[in-house]
Amino acid sequence: MREAQDRPVAVIEKNQIKASLVSAELFETMLVRLGDFNQGSG
């Protein structure tokens, strides 16, 4: 399952992340960026 580490993948459905194969740090960064985007567009 080493290929999964080389290819970060997230399945997003209806603006909700259903499955994620990313590191915890990257995942948290994604959530922060999504939060900033949602606040900026609102």
PDB file of N, CA and C in Angstrom:
ATOM      1  N   MET A   1       0.854  -1.215   0.000  1.00  0.00           N
ATOM      2  CA  MET A   1       0.000   0.000   0.000  1.00  0.00           C
ATOM      3  C   MET A   1       0.875   1.245   0.000  1.00  0.00           C
ATOM      4  N   ARG A   2       2.097   1.116  -0.545  1.00  0.00           N
ATOM      5  CA  ARG A   2       2.984   2.278  -0.531  1.00  0.00           C
ATOM      6  C   ARG A   2       2.509   3.322  -1.539  1.00  0.00           C
ATOM      7  N   GLU A   3       1.861   2.884  -2.595  1.00  0.00           N
ATOM      8  CA  GLU A   3       1.419   3.827  -3.625  1.00  0.00           C
ATOM      9  C   GLU A   3       0.425   4.831  -3.054  1.00  0.00           C
ATOM     10  N   ALA A   4      -0.354   4.397  -2.094  1.00  0.00           N
ATOM     11  CA  ALA A   4      -1.343   5.287  -1.479  1.00  0.00           C
ATOM     12  C   ALA A   4      -0.643   6.465  -0.809  1.00  0.00           C
ATOM     13  N   GLN A   5       0.521   6.217  -0.234  1.00  0.00           N
ATOM     14  CA  GLN A   5       1.254   7.290   0.438  1.00  0.00           C
ATOM     15  C   GLN A   5       1.799   8.282  -0.585  1.00  0.00           C
ATOM     16  N   ASP A   6       2.116   7.778  -1.772  1.00  0.00           N
ATOM     17  CA  ASP A   6       2.662   8.656  -2.807  1.00  0.00           C
ATOM     18  C   ASP A   6       1.566   9.458  -3.500  1.00  0.00           C
ATOM     19  N   ARG A   7       0.338   8.990  -3.392  1.00  0.00           N
ATOM     20  CA  ARG A   7      -0.754   9.679  -4.052  1.00  0.00           C
ATOM     21  C   ARG A   7      -1.829  10.054  -3.057  1.00  0.00           C
ATOM     22  N   PRO A   8      -1.742  11.212  -2.448  1.00  0.00           N
ATOM     23  CA  PRO A   8      -2.803  11.658  -1.521  1.00  0.00           C
ATOM     24  C   PRO A   8      -4.132  11.751  -2.263  1.00  0.00           C
ATOM     25  N   VAL A   9      -5.143  11.124  -1.712  1.00  0.00           N
ATOM     26  CA  VAL A   9      -6.448  11.111  -2.374  1.00  0.00           C
ATOM     27  C   VAL A   9      -7.542  11.402  -1.363  1.00  0.00           C
ATOM     28  N   ALA A  10      -8.482  12.213  -1.755  1.00  0.00           N
ATOM     29  CA  ALA A  10      -9.631  12.479  -0.891  1.00  0.00           C
ATOM     30  C   ALA A  10     -10.897  12.387  -1.733  1.00  0.00           C
ATOM     31  N   VAL A  11     -11.881  11.718  -1.219  1.00  0.00           N
ATOM     32  CA  VAL A  11     -13.153  11.593  -1.929  1.00  0.00           C
ATOM     33  C   VAL A  11     -14.131  12.586  -1.315  1.00  0.00           C
ATOM     34  N   ILE A  12     -14.524  13.579  -2.104  1.00  0.00           N
ATOM     35  CA  ILE A  12     -15.413  14.620  -1.585  1.00  0.00           C
ATOM     36  C   ILE A  12     -16.782  14.497  -2.256  1.00  0.00           C
ATOM     37  N   GLU A  13     -17.798  14.352  -1.443  1.00  0.00           N
ATOM     38  CA  GLU A  13     -19.159  14.215  -1.960  1.00  0.00           C
ATOM     39  C   GLU A  13     -20.066  15.165  -1.201  1.00  0.00           C
ATOM     40  N   LYS A  14     -20.771  16.028  -1.929  1.00  0.00           N
ATOM     41  CA  LYS A  14     -21.657  17.008  -1.302  1.00  0.00           C
ATOM     42  C   LYS A  14     -20.892  17.846  -0.287  1.00  0.00           C
ATOM     43  N   ASN A  15     -19.686  18.277  -0.668  1.00  0.00           N
ATOM     44  CA  ASN A  15     -18.857  19.144   0.171  1.00  0.00           C
ATOM     45  C   ASN A  15     -18.452  18.481   1.478  1.00  0.00           C
ATOM     46  N   GLN A  16     -18.512  17.158   1.542  1.00  0.00           N
ATOM     47  CA  GLN A  16     -18.080  16.447   2.745  1.00  0.00           C
ATOM     48  C   GLN A  16     -17.048  15.405   2.361  1.00  0.00           C
ATOM     49  N   ILE A  17     -15.979  15.369   3.107  1.00  0.00           N
ATOM     50  CA  ILE A  17     -14.925  14.405   2.822  1.00  0.00           C
ATOM     51  C   ILE A  17     -15.335  13.040   3.358  1.00  0.00           C
ATOM     52  N   LYS A  18     -15.529  12.089   2.464  1.00  0.00           N
ATOM     53  CA  LYS A  18     -15.999  10.758   2.848  1.00  0.00           C
ATOM     54  C   LYS A  18     -14.825   9.849   3.196  1.00  0.00           C
ATOM     55  N   ALA A  19     -13.763   9.906   2.399  1.00  0.00           N
ATOM     56  CA  ALA A  19     -12.616   9.041   2.639  1.00  0.00           C
ATOM     57  C   ALA A  19     -11.347   9.819   2.333  1.00  0.00           C
ATOM     58  N   SER A  20     -10.304   9.530   3.049  1.00  0.00           N
ATOM     59  CA  SER A  20      -9.066  10.271   2.855  1.00  0.00           C
ATOM     60  C   SER A  20      -7.861   9.376   3.056  1.00  0.00           C
ATOM     61  N   LEU A  21      -6.896   9.506   2.156  1.00  0.00           N
ATOM     62  CA  LEU A  21      -5.648   8.760   2.282  1.00  0.00           C
ATOM     63  C   LEU A  21      -4.490   9.740   2.397  1.00  0.00           C
ATOM     64  N   VAL A  22      -4.731  10.836   3.094  1.00  0.00           N
ATOM     65  CA  VAL A  22      -3.689  11.845   3.257  1.00  0.00           C
ATOM     66  C   VAL A  22      -3.180  11.801   4.684  1.00  0.00           C
ATOM     67  N   SER A  23      -2.025  12.412   4.891  1.00  0.00           N
ATOM     68  CA  SER A  23      -1.467  12.458   6.239  1.00  0.00           C
ATOM     69  C   SER A  23      -2.322  13.368   7.106  1.00  0.00           C
ATOM     70  N   ALA A  24      -2.246  13.186   8.409  1.00  0.00           N
ATOM     71  CA  ALA A  24      -3.063  13.983   9.329  1.00  0.00           C
ATOM     72  C   ALA A  24      -2.755  15.466   9.159  1.00  0.00           C
ATOM     73  N   GLU A  25      -1.488  15.790   8.953  1.00  0.00           N
ATOM     74  CA  GLU A  25      -1.098  17.201   8.822  1.00  0.00           C
ATOM     75  C   GLU A  25      -1.703  17.807   7.562  1.00  0.00           C
ATOM     76  N   LEU A  26      -1.587  17.094   6.449  1.00  0.00           N
ATOM     77  CA  LEU A  26      -2.130  17.598   5.192  1.00  0.00           C
ATOM     78  C   LEU A  26      -3.646  17.687   5.263  1.00  0.00           C
ATOM     79  N   PHE A  27      -4.267  16.690   5.902  1.00  0.00           N
ATOM     80  CA  PHE A  27      -5.719  16.668   6.048  1.00  0.00           C
ATOM     81  C   PHE A  27      -6.186  17.896   6.824  1.00  0.00           C
ATOM     82  N   GLU A  28      -5.476  18.212   7.910  1.00  0.00           N
ATOM     83  CA  GLU A  28      -5.839  19.372   8.723  1.00  0.00           C
ATOM     84  C   GLU A  28      -5.667  20.651   7.916  1.00  0.00           C
ATOM     85  N   THR A  29      -4.596  20.726   7.129  1.00  0.00           N
ATOM     86  CA  THR A  29      -4.369  21.895   6.279  1.00  0.00           C
ATOM     87  C   THR A  29      -5.503  22.051   5.277  1.00  0.00           C
ATOM     88  N   MET A  30      -5.954  20.932   4.717  1.00  0.00           N
ATOM     89  CA  MET A  30      -7.069  20.976   3.771  1.00  0.00           C
ATOM     90  C   MET A  30      -8.318  21.536   4.432  1.00  0.00           C
ATOM     91  N   LEU A  31      -8.598  21.065   5.645  1.00  0.00           N
ATOM     92  CA  LEU A  31      -9.789  21.530   6.358  1.00  0.00           C
ATOM     93  C   LEU A  31      -9.694  23.026   6.625  1.00  0.00           C
ATOM     94  N   VAL A  32      -8.508  23.487   6.998  1.00  0.00           N
ATOM     95  CA  VAL A  32      -8.315  24.914   7.274  1.00  0.00           C
ATOM     96  C   VAL A  32      -8.559  25.717   6.004  1.00  0.00           C
ATOM     97  N   ARG A  33      -8.013  25.251   4.890  1.00  0.00           N
ATOM     98  CA  ARG A  33      -8.183  25.976   3.627  1.00  0.00           C
ATOM     99  C   ARG A  33      -9.641  25.963   3.187  1.00  0.00           C
ATOM    100  N   LEU A  34     -10.310  24.842   3.373  1.00  0.00           N
ATOM    101  CA  LEU A  34     -11.732  24.764   3.027  1.00  0.00           C
ATOM    102  C   LEU A  34     -12.532  25.724   3.898  1.00  0.00           C
ATOM    103  N   GLY A  35     -12.184  25.806   5.168  1.00  0.00           N
ATOM    104  CA  GLY A  35     -12.862  26.709   6.090  1.00  0.00           C
ATOM    105  C   GLY A  35     -12.664  28.156   5.673  1.00  0.00           C
ATOM    106  N   ASP A  36     -11.420  28.495   5.313  1.00  0.00           N
ATOM    107  CA  ASP A  36     -11.138  29.861   4.877  1.00  0.00           C
ATOM    108  C   ASP A  36     -11.913  30.177   3.604  1.00  0.00           C
ATOM    109  N   PHE A  37     -11.998  29.221   2.702  1.00  0.00           N
ATOM    110  CA  PHE A  37     -12.709  29.425   1.443  1.00  0.00           C
ATOM    111  C   PHE A  37     -14.192  29.656   1.704  1.00  0.00           C
ATOM    112  N   ASN A  38     -14.765  28.850   2.595  1.00  0.00           N
ATOM    113  CA  ASN A  38     -16.185  28.979   2.914  1.00  0.00           C
ATOM    114  C   ASN A  38     -16.469  30.326   3.567  1.00  0.00           C
ATOM    115  N   GLN A  39     -15.584  30.772   4.443  1.00  0.00           N
ATOM    116  CA  GLN A  39     -15.779  32.062   5.109  1.00  0.00           C
ATOM    117  C   GLN A  39     -15.642  33.197   4.096  1.00  0.00           C
ATOM    118  N   GLY A  40     -14.693  33.062   3.174  1.00  0.00           N
ATOM    119  CA  GLY A  40     -14.454  34.117   2.192  1.00  0.00           C
ATOM    120  C   GLY A  40     -15.597  34.238   1.198  1.00  0.00           C
ATOM    121  N   SER A  41     -16.247  33.128   0.874  1.00  0.00           N
ATOM    122  CA  SER A  41     -17.311  33.161  -0.125  1.00  0.00           C
ATOM    123  C   SER A  41     -18.659  33.493   0.507  1.00  0.00           C
ATOM    124  N   GLY A  42     -18.708  33.506   1.842  1.00  0.00           N
ATOM    125  CA  GLY A  42     -19.976  33.744   2.516  1.00  0.00           C
ATOM    126  C   GLY A  42     -20.145  35.194   2.828  1.00  0.00           C
TER     127      GLY A  42
END
